[in-house]
Amino acid sequence: HDHKRKMIVETAWKIIETEGIEKASTRRIASEVGMSTRALRH
């Protein structure tokens, strides 16, 4: 779980850094991490 959480944080960071916070949707982050939005919310 810590590794998955770290992947989510780093992916969110990358999106916010390159495209802005408005592009950091749950769907976008989940997609880039390789999981569903439901799994991300877990």
PDB file of all heavy atoms in Angstrom:
ATOM      1  N   HIS A   1       0.815  -1.217   0.000  1.00  0.00           N
ATOM      2  CA  HIS A   1       0.000   0.000   0.000  1.00  0.00           C
ATOM      3  C   HIS A   1       0.847   1.265   0.000  1.00  0.00           C
ATOM      4  O   HIS A   1       0.491   2.251  -0.647  1.00  0.00           O
ATOM      5  CB  HIS A   1      -0.973  -0.003   1.175  1.00  0.00           C
ATOM      6  CG  HIS A   1      -2.018  -1.063   1.054  1.00  0.00           C
ATOM      7  ND1 HIS A   1      -3.105  -0.934   0.230  1.00  0.00           N
ATOM      8  CD2 HIS A   1      -2.133  -2.278   1.637  1.00  0.00           C
ATOM      9  CE1 HIS A   1      -3.848  -2.010   0.304  1.00  0.00           C
ATOM     10  NE2 HIS A   1      -3.278  -2.852   1.153  1.00  0.00           N
ATOM     11  N   ASP A   2       1.954   1.256   0.715  1.00  0.00           N
ATOM     12  CA  ASP A   2       2.815   2.444   0.724  1.00  0.00           C
ATOM     13  C   ASP A   2       3.391   2.713  -0.662  1.00  0.00           C
ATOM     14  O   ASP A   2       3.475   3.861  -1.099  1.00  0.00           O
ATOM     15  CB  ASP A   2       3.944   2.296   1.745  1.00  0.00           C
ATOM     16  CG  ASP A   2       3.449   2.431   3.170  1.00  0.00           C
ATOM     17  OD1 ASP A   2       2.411   3.094   3.389  1.00  0.00           O
ATOM     18  OD2 ASP A   2       4.111   1.891   4.082  1.00  0.00           O
ATOM     19  N   HIS A   3       3.775   1.650  -1.355  1.00  0.00           N
ATOM     20  CA  HIS A   3       4.311   1.814  -2.707  1.00  0.00           C
ATOM     21  C   HIS A   3       3.235   2.367  -3.653  1.00  0.00           C
ATOM     22  O   HIS A   3       3.510   3.281  -4.431  1.00  0.00           O
ATOM     23  CB  HIS A   3       4.848   0.482  -3.234  1.00  0.00           C
ATOM     24  CG  HIS A   3       5.333   0.557  -4.645  1.00  0.00           C
ATOM     25  ND1 HIS A   3       6.477   1.248  -4.994  1.00  0.00           N
ATOM     26  CD2 HIS A   3       4.815   0.068  -5.806  1.00  0.00           C
ATOM     27  CE1 HIS A   3       6.647   1.169  -6.300  1.00  0.00           C
ATOM     28  NE2 HIS A   3       5.653   0.462  -6.814  1.00  0.00           N
ATOM     29  N   LYS A   4       2.026   1.855  -3.562  1.00  0.00           N
ATOM     30  CA  LYS A   4       0.930   2.340  -4.411  1.00  0.00           C
ATOM     31  C   LYS A   4       0.628   3.802  -4.105  1.00  0.00           C
ATOM     32  O   LYS A   4       0.443   4.615  -5.011  1.00  0.00           O
ATOM     33  CB  LYS A   4      -0.339   1.509  -4.199  1.00  0.00           C
ATOM     34  CG  LYS A   4      -0.274   0.151  -4.801  1.00  0.00           C
ATOM     35  CD  LYS A   4      -0.518   0.233  -6.289  1.00  0.00           C
ATOM     36  CE  LYS A   4      -0.739  -1.166  -6.820  1.00  0.00           C
ATOM     37  NZ  LYS A   4      -0.954  -1.197  -8.229  1.00  0.00           N
ATOM     38  N   ARG A   5       0.583   4.137  -2.821  1.00  0.00           N
ATOM     39  CA  ARG A   5       0.320   5.514  -2.424  1.00  0.00           C
ATOM     40  C   ARG A   5       1.416   6.434  -2.967  1.00  0.00           C
ATOM     41  O   ARG A   5       1.149   7.528  -3.452  1.00  0.00           O
ATOM     42  CB  ARG A   5       0.238   5.592  -0.899  1.00  0.00           C
ATOM     43  CG  ARG A   5      -0.698   6.652  -0.413  1.00  0.00           C
ATOM     44  CD  ARG A   5      -0.893   6.593   1.091  1.00  0.00           C
ATOM     45  NE  ARG A   5      -1.991   5.692   1.425  1.00  0.00           N
ATOM     46  CZ  ARG A   5      -1.889   4.600   2.159  1.00  0.00           C
ATOM     47  NH1 ARG A   5      -0.730   4.240   2.656  1.00  0.00           N
ATOM     48  NH2 ARG A   5      -2.926   3.847   2.426  1.00  0.00           N
ATOM     49  N   LYS A   6       2.660   5.967  -2.901  1.00  0.00           N
ATOM     50  CA  LYS A   6       3.780   6.757  -3.406  1.00  0.00           C
ATOM     51  C   LYS A   6       3.650   6.956  -4.916  1.00  0.00           C
ATOM     52  O   LYS A   6       3.904   8.048  -5.427  1.00  0.00           O
ATOM     53  CB  LYS A   6       5.100   6.064  -3.073  1.00  0.00           C
ATOM     54  CG  LYS A   6       6.309   6.879  -3.417  1.00  0.00           C
ATOM     55  CD  LYS A   6       7.574   6.216  -2.928  1.00  0.00           C
ATOM     56  CE  LYS A   6       8.770   7.088  -3.241  1.00  0.00           C
ATOM     57  NZ  LYS A   6      10.005   6.515  -2.760  1.00  0.00           N
ATOM     58  N   MET A   7       3.233   5.929  -5.632  1.00  0.00           N
ATOM     59  CA  MET A   7       3.027   6.056  -7.080  1.00  0.00           C
ATOM     60  C   MET A   7       1.946   7.089  -7.388  1.00  0.00           C
ATOM     61  O   MET A   7       2.089   7.890  -8.314  1.00  0.00           O
ATOM     62  CB  MET A   7       2.640   4.701  -7.678  1.00  0.00           C
ATOM     63  CG  MET A   7       3.775   3.721  -7.772  1.00  0.00           C
ATOM     64  SD  MET A   7       3.256   2.068  -8.337  1.00  0.00           S
ATOM     65  CE  MET A   7       2.239   2.443  -9.752  1.00  0.00           C
ATOM     66  N   ILE A   8       0.881   7.079  -6.607  1.00  0.00           N
ATOM     67  CA  ILE A   8      -0.212   8.037  -6.806  1.00  0.00           C
ATOM     68  C   ILE A   8       0.281   9.457  -6.564  1.00  0.00           C
ATOM     69  O   ILE A   8       0.024  10.367  -7.358  1.00  0.00           O
ATOM     70  CB  ILE A   8      -1.405   7.705  -5.881  1.00  0.00           C
ATOM     71  CG1 ILE A   8      -2.031   6.365  -6.298  1.00  0.00           C
ATOM     72  CG2 ILE A   8      -2.441   8.827  -5.891  1.00  0.00           C
ATOM     73  CD1 ILE A   8      -2.980   5.777  -5.268  1.00  0.00           C
ATOM     74  N   VAL A   9       1.017   9.653  -5.469  1.00  0.00           N
ATOM     75  CA  VAL A   9       1.542  10.980  -5.128  1.00  0.00           C
ATOM     76  C   VAL A   9       2.490  11.477  -6.216  1.00  0.00           C
ATOM     77  O   VAL A   9       2.393  12.625  -6.668  1.00  0.00           O
ATOM     78  CB  VAL A   9       2.265  10.947  -3.758  1.00  0.00           C
ATOM     79  CG1 VAL A   9       3.043  12.221  -3.512  1.00  0.00           C
ATOM     80  CG2 VAL A   9       1.262  10.708  -2.642  1.00  0.00           C
ATOM     81  N   GLU A  10       3.395  10.625  -6.661  1.00  0.00           N
ATOM     82  CA  GLU A  10       4.366  11.047  -7.669  1.00  0.00           C
ATOM     83  C   GLU A  10       3.695  11.338  -9.013  1.00  0.00           C
ATOM     84  O   GLU A  10       4.093  12.263  -9.717  1.00  0.00           O
ATOM     85  CB  GLU A  10       5.461   9.998  -7.815  1.00  0.00           C
ATOM     86  CG  GLU A  10       6.377   9.988  -6.604  1.00  0.00           C
ATOM     87  CD  GLU A  10       7.451   8.917  -6.654  1.00  0.00           C
ATOM     88  OE1 GLU A  10       7.406   8.052  -7.555  1.00  0.00           O
ATOM     89  OE2 GLU A  10       8.333   8.952  -5.785  1.00  0.00           O
ATOM     90  N   THR A  11       2.671  10.581  -9.351  1.00  0.00           N
ATOM     91  CA  THR A  11       1.939  10.829 -10.592  1.00  0.00           C
ATOM     92  C   THR A  11       1.183  12.149 -10.501  1.00  0.00           C
ATOM     93  O   THR A  11       1.197  12.946 -11.446  1.00  0.00           O
ATOM     94  CB  THR A  11       0.981   9.665 -10.890  1.00  0.00           C
ATOM     95  OG1 THR A  11       1.748   8.463 -11.022  1.00  0.00           O
ATOM     96  CG2 THR A  11       0.190   9.915 -12.158  1.00  0.00           C
ATOM     97  N   ALA A  12       0.526  12.376  -9.370  1.00  0.00           N
ATOM     98  CA  ALA A  12      -0.196  13.640  -9.174  1.00  0.00           C
ATOM     99  C   ALA A  12       0.779  14.812  -9.261  1.00  0.00           C
ATOM    100  O   ALA A  12       0.503  15.830  -9.903  1.00  0.00           O
ATOM    101  CB  ALA A  12      -0.917  13.638  -7.829  1.00  0.00           C
ATOM    102  N   TRP A  13       1.935  14.660  -8.630  1.00  0.00           N
ATOM    103  CA  TRP A  13       2.975  15.700  -8.666  1.00  0.00           C
ATOM    104  C   TRP A  13       3.366  16.009 -10.102  1.00  0.00           C
ATOM    105  O   TRP A  13       3.422  17.162 -10.518  1.00  0.00           O
ATOM    106  CB  TRP A  13       4.188  15.239  -7.872  1.00  0.00           C
ATOM    107  CG  TRP A  13       5.338  16.177  -7.968  1.00  0.00           C
ATOM    108  CD1 TRP A  13       6.350  16.139  -8.877  1.00  0.00           C
ATOM    109  CD2 TRP A  13       5.600  17.311  -7.139  1.00  0.00           C
ATOM    110  NE1 TRP A  13       7.223  17.170  -8.661  1.00  0.00           N
ATOM    111  CE2 TRP A  13       6.786  17.898  -7.593  1.00  0.00           C
ATOM    112  CE3 TRP A  13       4.941  17.872  -6.046  1.00  0.00           C
ATOM    113  CZ2 TRP A  13       7.336  19.027  -7.008  1.00  0.00           C
ATOM    114  CZ3 TRP A  13       5.495  18.987  -5.461  1.00  0.00           C
ATOM    115  CH2 TRP A  13       6.668  19.557  -5.932  1.00  0.00           C
ATOM    116  N   LYS A  14       3.623  14.965 -10.883  1.00  0.00           N
ATOM    117  CA  LYS A  14       4.061  15.139 -12.268  1.00  0.00           C
ATOM    118  C   LYS A  14       3.005  15.890 -13.084  1.00  0.00           C
ATOM    119  O   LYS A  14       3.336  16.807 -13.829  1.00  0.00           O
ATOM    120  CB  LYS A  14       4.342  13.773 -12.892  1.00  0.00           C
ATOM    121  CG  LYS A  14       4.840  13.843 -14.325  1.00  0.00           C
ATOM    122  CD  LYS A  14       5.078  12.464 -14.890  1.00  0.00           C
ATOM    123  CE  LYS A  14       3.714  11.877 -15.215  1.00  0.00           C
ATOM    124  NZ  LYS A  14       3.729  10.630 -15.946  1.00  0.00           N
ATOM    125  N   ILE A  15       1.741  15.524 -12.918  1.00  0.00           N
ATOM    126  CA  ILE A  15       0.667  16.172 -13.673  1.00  0.00           C
ATOM    127  C   ILE A  15       0.515  17.626 -13.258  1.00  0.00           C
ATOM    128  O   ILE A  15       0.420  18.526 -14.103  1.00  0.00           O
ATOM    129  CB  ILE A  15      -0.664  15.410 -13.506  1.00  0.00           C
ATOM    130  CG1 ILE A  15      -0.553  14.034 -14.178  1.00  0.00           C
ATOM    131  CG2 ILE A  15      -1.831  16.204 -14.090  1.00  0.00           C
ATOM    132  CD1 ILE A  15      -1.704  13.104 -13.854  1.00  0.00           C
ATOM    133  N   ILE A  16       0.506  17.877 -11.953  1.00  0.00           N
ATOM    134  CA  ILE A  16       0.352  19.250 -11.461  1.00  0.00           C
ATOM    135  C   ILE A  16       1.538  20.101 -11.905  1.00  0.00           C
ATOM    136  O   ILE A  16       1.374  21.244 -12.325  1.00  0.00           O
ATOM    137  CB  ILE A  16       0.180  19.276  -9.933  1.00  0.00           C
ATOM    138  CG1 ILE A  16      -1.155  18.637  -9.546  1.00  0.00           C
ATOM    139  CG2 ILE A  16       0.257  20.708  -9.401  1.00  0.00           C
ATOM    140  CD1 ILE A  16      -1.328  18.395  -8.071  1.00  0.00           C
ATOM    141  N   GLU A  17       2.723  19.540 -11.846  1.00  0.00           N
ATOM    142  CA  GLU A  17       3.934  20.276 -12.219  1.00  0.00           C
ATOM    143  C   GLU A  17       3.937  20.651 -13.700  1.00  0.00           C
ATOM    144  O   GLU A  17       4.309  21.764 -14.065  1.00  0.00           O
ATOM    145  CB  GLU A  17       5.164  19.429 -11.898  1.00  0.00           C
ATOM    146  CG  GLU A  17       6.480  20.097 -12.212  1.00  0.00           C
ATOM    147  CD  GLU A  17       7.652  19.228 -11.836  1.00  0.00           C
ATOM    148  OE1 GLU A  17       7.621  18.021 -12.120  1.00  0.00           O
ATOM    149  OE2 GLU A  17       8.608  19.772 -11.274  1.00  0.00           O
ATOM    150  N   THR A  18       3.517  19.735 -14.554  1.00  0.00           N
ATOM    151  CA  THR A  18       3.612  19.985 -15.990  1.00  0.00           C
ATOM    152  C   THR A  18       2.377  20.639 -16.592  1.00  0.00           C
ATOM    153  O   THR A  18       2.489  21.377 -17.557  1.00  0.00           O
ATOM    154  CB  THR A  18       3.908  18.674 -16.751  1.00  0.00           C
ATOM    155  OG1 THR A  18       2.880  17.725 -16.483  1.00  0.00           O
ATOM    156  CG2 THR A  18       5.254  18.109 -16.362  1.00  0.00           C
ATOM    157  N   GLU A  19       1.186  20.361 -16.014  1.00  0.00           N
ATOM    158  CA  GLU A  19      -0.044  20.845 -16.642  1.00  0.00           C
ATOM    159  C   GLU A  19      -0.946  21.673 -15.739  1.00  0.00           C
ATOM    160  O   GLU A  19      -1.950  22.190 -16.197  1.00  0.00           O
ATOM    161  CB  GLU A  19      -0.833  19.644 -17.173  1.00  0.00           C
ATOM    162  CG  GLU A  19      -0.050  18.847 -18.202  1.00  0.00           C
ATOM    163  CD  GLU A  19      -0.799  17.624 -18.660  1.00  0.00           C
ATOM    164  OE1 GLU A  19      -2.031  17.715 -18.849  1.00  0.00           O
ATOM    165  OE2 GLU A  19      -0.156  16.576 -18.815  1.00  0.00           O
ATOM    166  N   GLY A  20      -0.633  21.741 -14.456  1.00  0.00           N
ATOM    167  CA  GLY A  20      -1.443  22.525 -13.533  1.00  0.00           C
ATOM    168  C   GLY A  20      -2.424  21.661 -12.756  1.00  0.00           C
ATOM    169  O   GLY A  20      -2.783  20.564 -13.178  1.00  0.00           O
ATOM    170  N   ILE A  21      -2.858  22.180 -11.614  1.00  0.00           N
ATOM    171  CA  ILE A  21      -3.725  21.422 -10.713  1.00  0.00           C
ATOM    172  C   ILE A  21      -5.075  21.102 -11.351  1.00  0.00           C
ATOM    173  O   ILE A  21      -5.681  20.079 -11.056  1.00  0.00           O
ATOM    174  CB  ILE A  21      -3.905  22.151  -9.357  1.00  0.00           C
ATOM    175  CG1 ILE A  21      -4.518  21.196  -8.332  1.00  0.00           C
ATOM    176  CG2 ILE A  21      -4.705  23.428  -9.522  1.00  0.00           C
ATOM    177  CD1 ILE A  21      -4.428  21.669  -6.912  1.00  0.00           C
ATOM    178  N   GLU A  22      -5.535  21.950 -12.267  1.00  0.00           N
ATOM    179  CA  GLU A  22      -6.836  21.710 -12.892  1.00  0.00           C
ATOM    180  C   GLU A  22      -6.849  20.450 -13.763  1.00  0.00           C
ATOM    181  O   GLU A  22      -7.906  19.901 -14.048  1.00  0.00           O
ATOM    182  CB  GLU A  22      -7.302  22.923 -13.701  1.00  0.00           C
ATOM    183  CG  GLU A  22      -6.373  23.337 -14.812  1.00  0.00           C
ATOM    184  CD  GLU A  22      -5.198  24.198 -14.374  1.00  0.00           C
ATOM    185  OE1 GLU A  22      -5.151  24.640 -13.216  1.00  0.00           O
ATOM    186  OE2 GLU A  22      -4.311  24.405 -15.209  1.00  0.00           O
ATOM    187  N   LYS A  23      -5.696  19.966 -14.165  1.00  0.00           N
ATOM    188  CA  LYS A  23      -5.606  18.746 -14.981  1.00  0.00           C
ATOM    189  C   LYS A  23      -5.428  17.485 -14.134  1.00  0.00           C
ATOM    190  O   LYS A  23      -5.428  16.378 -14.655  1.00  0.00           O
ATOM    191  CB  LYS A  23      -4.440  18.842 -15.966  1.00  0.00           C
ATOM    192  CG  LYS A  23      -4.575  19.958 -16.953  1.00  0.00           C
ATOM    193  CD  LYS A  23      -5.674  19.674 -17.935  1.00  0.00           C
ATOM    194  CE  LYS A  23      -5.719  20.768 -18.986  1.00  0.00           C
ATOM    195  NZ  LYS A  23      -6.723  20.579 -19.969  1.00  0.00           N
ATOM    196  N   ALA A  24      -5.297  17.633 -12.826  1.00  0.00           N
ATOM    197  CA  ALA A  24      -5.037  16.494 -11.935  1.00  0.00           C
ATOM    198  C   ALA A  24      -6.346  15.876 -11.444  1.00  0.00           C
ATOM    199  O   ALA A  24      -6.600  15.799 -10.257  1.00  0.00           O
ATOM    200  CB  ALA A  24      -4.168  16.932 -10.764  1.00  0.00           C
ATOM    201  N   SER A  25      -7.143  15.408 -12.367  1.00  0.00           N
ATOM    202  CA  SER A  25      -8.409  14.774 -11.985  1.00  0.00           C
ATOM    203  C   SER A  25      -8.156  13.358 -11.471  1.00  0.00           C
ATOM    204  O   SER A  25      -7.127  12.745 -11.765  1.00  0.00           O
ATOM    205  CB  SER A  25      -9.351  14.709 -13.190  1.00  0.00           C
ATOM    206  OG  SER A  25      -8.848  13.797 -14.157  1.00  0.00           O
ATOM    207  N   THR A  26      -9.113  12.856 -10.729  1.00  0.00           N
ATOM    208  CA  THR A  26      -9.011  11.489 -10.217  1.00  0.00           C
ATOM    209  C   THR A  26      -8.875  10.505 -11.372  1.00  0.00           C
ATOM    210  O   THR A  26      -8.038   9.611 -11.340  1.00  0.00           O
ATOM    211  CB  THR A  26     -10.268  11.142  -9.389  1.00  0.00           C
ATOM    212  OG1 THR A  26     -10.419  12.115  -8.359  1.00  0.00           O
ATOM    213  CG2 THR A  26     -10.169   9.770  -8.770  1.00  0.00           C
ATOM    214  N   ARG A  27      -9.662  10.684 -12.402  1.00  0.00           N
ATOM    215  CA  ARG A  27      -9.629   9.787 -13.570  1.00  0.00           C
ATOM    216  C   ARG A  27      -8.256   9.819 -14.246  1.00  0.00           C
ATOM    217  O   ARG A  27      -7.696   8.792 -14.615  1.00  0.00           O
ATOM    218  CB  ARG A  27     -10.717  10.186 -14.554  1.00  0.00           C
ATOM    219  CG  ARG A  27     -10.786   9.284 -15.766  1.00  0.00           C
ATOM    220  CD  ARG A  27     -11.974   9.607 -16.641  1.00  0.00           C
ATOM    221  NE  ARG A  27     -13.189   9.171 -15.955  1.00  0.00           N
ATOM    222  CZ  ARG A  27     -14.309   9.870 -15.872  1.00  0.00           C
ATOM    223  NH1 ARG A  27     -14.401  11.040 -16.444  1.00  0.00           N
ATOM    224  NH2 ARG A  27     -15.353   9.412 -15.226  1.00  0.00           N
ATOM    225  N   ARG A  28      -7.700  11.003 -14.409  1.00  0.00           N
ATOM    226  CA  ARG A  28      -6.398  11.147 -15.079  1.00  0.00           C
ATOM    227  C   ARG A  28      -5.288  10.497 -14.271  1.00  0.00           C
ATOM    228  O   ARG A  28      -4.453   9.765 -14.804  1.00  0.00           O
ATOM    229  CB  ARG A  28      -6.119  12.635 -15.292  1.00  0.00           C
ATOM    230  CG  ARG A  28      -4.735  12.970 -15.778  1.00  0.00           C
ATOM    231  CD  ARG A  28      -4.606  12.756 -17.280  1.00  0.00           C
ATOM    232  NE  ARG A  28      -3.254  12.955 -17.729  1.00  0.00           N
ATOM    233  CZ  ARG A  28      -2.707  14.132 -17.979  1.00  0.00           C
ATOM    234  NH1 ARG A  28      -3.399  15.245 -17.831  1.00  0.00           N
ATOM    235  NH2 ARG A  28      -1.461  14.205 -18.386  1.00  0.00           N
ATOM    236  N   ILE A  29      -5.253  10.756 -12.978  1.00  0.00           N
ATOM    237  CA  ILE A  29      -4.210  10.182 -12.123  1.00  0.00           C
ATOM    238  C   ILE A  29      -4.337   8.674 -12.080  1.00  0.00           C
ATOM    239  O   ILE A  29      -3.348   7.950 -12.233  1.00  0.00           O
ATOM    240  CB  ILE A  29      -4.246  10.812 -10.719  1.00  0.00           C
ATOM    241  CG1 ILE A  29      -3.842  12.284 -10.801  1.00  0.00           C
ATOM    242  CG2 ILE A  29      -3.326  10.057  -9.758  1.00  0.00           C
ATOM    243  CD1 ILE A  29      -4.083  13.075  -9.557  1.00  0.00           C
ATOM    244  N   ALA A  30      -5.548   8.178 -11.890  1.00  0.00           N
ATOM    245  CA  ALA A  30      -5.767   6.727 -11.855  1.00  0.00           C
ATOM    246  C   ALA A  30      -5.314   6.076 -13.150  1.00  0.00           C
ATOM    247  O   ALA A  30      -4.642   5.033 -13.139  1.00  0.00           O
ATOM    248  CB  ALA A  30      -7.234   6.423 -11.600  1.00  0.00           C
ATOM    249  N   SER A  31      -5.632   6.691 -14.258  1.00  0.00           N
ATOM    250  CA  SER A  31      -5.255   6.152 -15.564  1.00  0.00           C
ATOM    251  C   SER A  31      -3.734   6.066 -15.710  1.00  0.00           C
ATOM    252  O   SER A  31      -3.195   5.056 -16.161  1.00  0.00           O
ATOM    253  CB  SER A  31      -5.840   7.029 -16.668  1.00  0.00           C
ATOM    254  OG  SER A  31      -5.373   6.626 -17.918  1.00  0.00           O
ATOM    255  N   GLU A  32      -3.046   7.119 -15.312  1.00  0.00           N
ATOM    256  CA  GLU A  32      -1.588   7.133 -15.445  1.00  0.00           C
ATOM    257  C   GLU A  32      -0.902   6.176 -14.485  1.00  0.00           C
ATOM    258  O   GLU A  32       0.179   5.675 -14.769  1.00  0.00           O
ATOM    259  CB  GLU A  32      -1.062   8.551 -15.284  1.00  0.00           C
ATOM    260  CG  GLU A  32      -1.510   9.422 -16.432  1.00  0.00           C
ATOM    261  CD  GLU A  32      -0.532  10.504 -16.799  1.00  0.00           C
ATOM    262  OE1 GLU A  32       0.624  10.473 -16.344  1.00  0.00           O
ATOM    263  OE2 GLU A  32      -0.952  11.385 -17.558  1.00  0.00           O
ATOM    264  N   VAL A  33      -1.516   5.920 -13.332  1.00  0.00           N
ATOM    265  CA  VAL A  33      -0.963   4.961 -12.379  1.00  0.00           C
ATOM    266  C   VAL A  33      -1.264   3.531 -12.817  1.00  0.00           C
ATOM    267  O   VAL A  33      -0.577   2.597 -12.453  1.00  0.00           O
ATOM    268  CB  VAL A  33      -1.507   5.227 -10.952  1.00  0.00           C
ATOM    269  CG1 VAL A  33      -1.100   4.154  -9.973  1.00  0.00           C
ATOM    270  CG2 VAL A  33      -1.019   6.564 -10.445  1.00  0.00           C
ATOM    271  N   GLY A  34      -2.323   3.392 -13.628  1.00  0.00           N
ATOM    272  CA  GLY A  34      -2.697   2.069 -14.119  1.00  0.00           C
ATOM    273  C   GLY A  34      -3.719   1.373 -13.239  1.00  0.00           C
ATOM    274  O   GLY A  34      -3.686   0.154 -13.063  1.00  0.00           O
ATOM    275  N   MET A  35      -4.638   2.154 -12.693  1.00  0.00           N
ATOM    276  CA  MET A  35      -5.697   1.581 -11.857  1.00  0.00           C
ATOM    277  C   MET A  35      -7.005   2.311 -12.140  1.00  0.00           C
ATOM    278  O   MET A  35      -7.004   3.352 -12.769  1.00  0.00           O
ATOM    279  CB  MET A  35      -5.324   1.661 -10.369  1.00  0.00           C
ATOM    280  CG  MET A  35      -5.149   3.056  -9.819  1.00  0.00           C
ATOM    281  SD  MET A  35      -4.823   3.172  -8.039  1.00  0.00           S
ATOM    282  CE  MET A  35      -3.347   2.251  -7.829  1.00  0.00           C
ATOM    283  N   SER A  36      -8.084   1.745 -11.656  1.00  0.00           N
ATOM    284  CA  SER A  36      -9.384   2.394 -11.806  1.00  0.00           C
ATOM    285  C   SER A  36      -9.524   3.509 -10.778  1.00  0.00           C
ATOM    286  O   SER A  36      -8.792   3.548  -9.780  1.00  0.00           O
ATOM    287  CB  SER A  36     -10.506   1.374 -11.614  1.00  0.00           C
ATOM    288  OG  SER A  36     -10.542   0.949 -10.267  1.00  0.00           O
ATOM    289  N   THR A  37     -10.484   4.398 -10.998  1.00  0.00           N
ATOM    290  CA  THR A  37     -10.714   5.464 -10.015  1.00  0.00           C
ATOM    291  C   THR A  37     -11.179   4.876  -8.689  1.00  0.00           C
ATOM    292  O   THR A  37     -10.830   5.378  -7.626  1.00  0.00           O
ATOM    293  CB  THR A  37     -11.753   6.487 -10.523  1.00  0.00           C
ATOM    294  OG1 THR A  37     -12.946   5.808 -10.881  1.00  0.00           O
ATOM    295  CG2 THR A  37     -11.223   7.253 -11.711  1.00  0.00           C
ATOM    296  N   ARG A  38     -11.929   3.811  -8.757  1.00  0.00           N
ATOM    297  CA  ARG A  38     -12.389   3.152  -7.522  1.00  0.00           C
ATOM    298  C   ARG A  38     -11.203   2.587  -6.739  1.00  0.00           C
ATOM    299  O   ARG A  38     -11.142   2.713  -5.519  1.00  0.00           O
ATOM    300  CB  ARG A  38     -13.373   2.048  -7.868  1.00  0.00           C
ATOM    301  CG  ARG A  38     -13.988   1.423  -6.663  1.00  0.00           C
ATOM    302  CD  ARG A  38     -15.057   0.458  -7.056  1.00  0.00           C
ATOM    303  NE  ARG A  38     -15.663  -0.086  -5.858  1.00  0.00           N
ATOM    304  CZ  ARG A  38     -16.677  -0.894  -5.861  1.00  0.00           C
ATOM    305  NH1 ARG A  38     -17.234  -1.272  -6.983  1.00  0.00           N
ATOM    306  NH2 ARG A  38     -17.163  -1.346  -4.731  1.00  0.00           N
ATOM    307  N   ALA A  39     -10.261   1.977  -7.433  1.00  0.00           N
ATOM    308  CA  ALA A  39      -9.072   1.443  -6.767  1.00  0.00           C
ATOM    309  C   ALA A  39      -8.233   2.571  -6.169  1.00  0.00           C
ATOM    310  O   ALA A  39      -7.723   2.454  -5.055  1.00  0.00           O
ATOM    311  CB  ALA A  39      -8.241   0.621  -7.746  1.00  0.00           C
ATOM    312  N   LEU A  40      -8.124   3.684  -6.890  1.00  0.00           N
ATOM    313  CA  LEU A  40      -7.354   4.824  -6.381  1.00  0.00           C
ATOM    314  C   LEU A  40      -7.959   5.337  -5.075  1.00  0.00           C
ATOM    315  O   LEU A  40      -7.245   5.604  -4.118  1.00  0.00           O
ATOM    316  CB  LEU A  40      -7.314   5.936  -7.424  1.00  0.00           C
ATOM    317  CG  LEU A  40      -6.446   7.130  -7.065  1.00  0.00           C
ATOM    318  CD1 LEU A  40      -5.693   7.611  -8.289  1.00  0.00           C
ATOM    319  CD2 LEU A  40      -7.265   8.249  -6.489  1.00  0.00           C
ATOM    320  N   ARG A  41      -9.282   5.424  -5.035  1.00  0.00           N
ATOM    321  CA  ARG A  41      -9.952   5.932  -3.822  1.00  0.00           C
ATOM    322  C   ARG A  41      -9.743   5.018  -2.616  1.00  0.00           C
ATOM    323  O   ARG A  41      -9.859   5.457  -1.483  1.00  0.00           O
ATOM    324  CB  ARG A  41     -11.439   6.121  -4.095  1.00  0.00           C
ATOM    325  CG  ARG A  41     -11.706   7.305  -4.986  1.00  0.00           C
ATOM    326  CD  ARG A  41     -13.193   7.602  -5.089  1.00  0.00           C
ATOM    327  NE  ARG A  41     -13.432   8.490  -6.198  1.00  0.00           N
ATOM    328  CZ  ARG A  41     -14.123   8.167  -7.274  1.00  0.00           C
ATOM    329  NH1 ARG A  41     -14.676   6.981  -7.380  1.00  0.00           N
ATOM    330  NH2 ARG A  41     -14.294   9.036  -8.236  1.00  0.00           N
ATOM    331  N   HIS A  42      -9.425   3.770  -2.865  1.00  0.00           N
ATOM    332  CA  HIS A  42      -9.164   2.817  -1.784  1.00  0.00           C
ATOM    333  C   HIS A  42      -7.989   3.257  -0.908  1.00  0.00           C
ATOM    334  O   HIS A  42      -7.938   2.942   0.273  1.00  0.00           O
ATOM    335  CB  HIS A  42      -8.899   1.436  -2.379  1.00  0.00           C
ATOM    336  CG  HIS A  42      -8.423   0.430  -1.389  1.00  0.00           C
ATOM    337  ND1 HIS A  42      -9.271  -0.162  -0.481  1.00  0.00           N
ATOM    338  CD2 HIS A  42      -7.185  -0.080  -1.147  1.00  0.00           C
ATOM    339  CE1 HIS A  42      -8.573  -0.991   0.275  1.00  0.00           C
ATOM    340  NE2 HIS A  42      -7.320  -0.966  -0.114  1.00  0.00           N
TER     341      HIS A  42
END
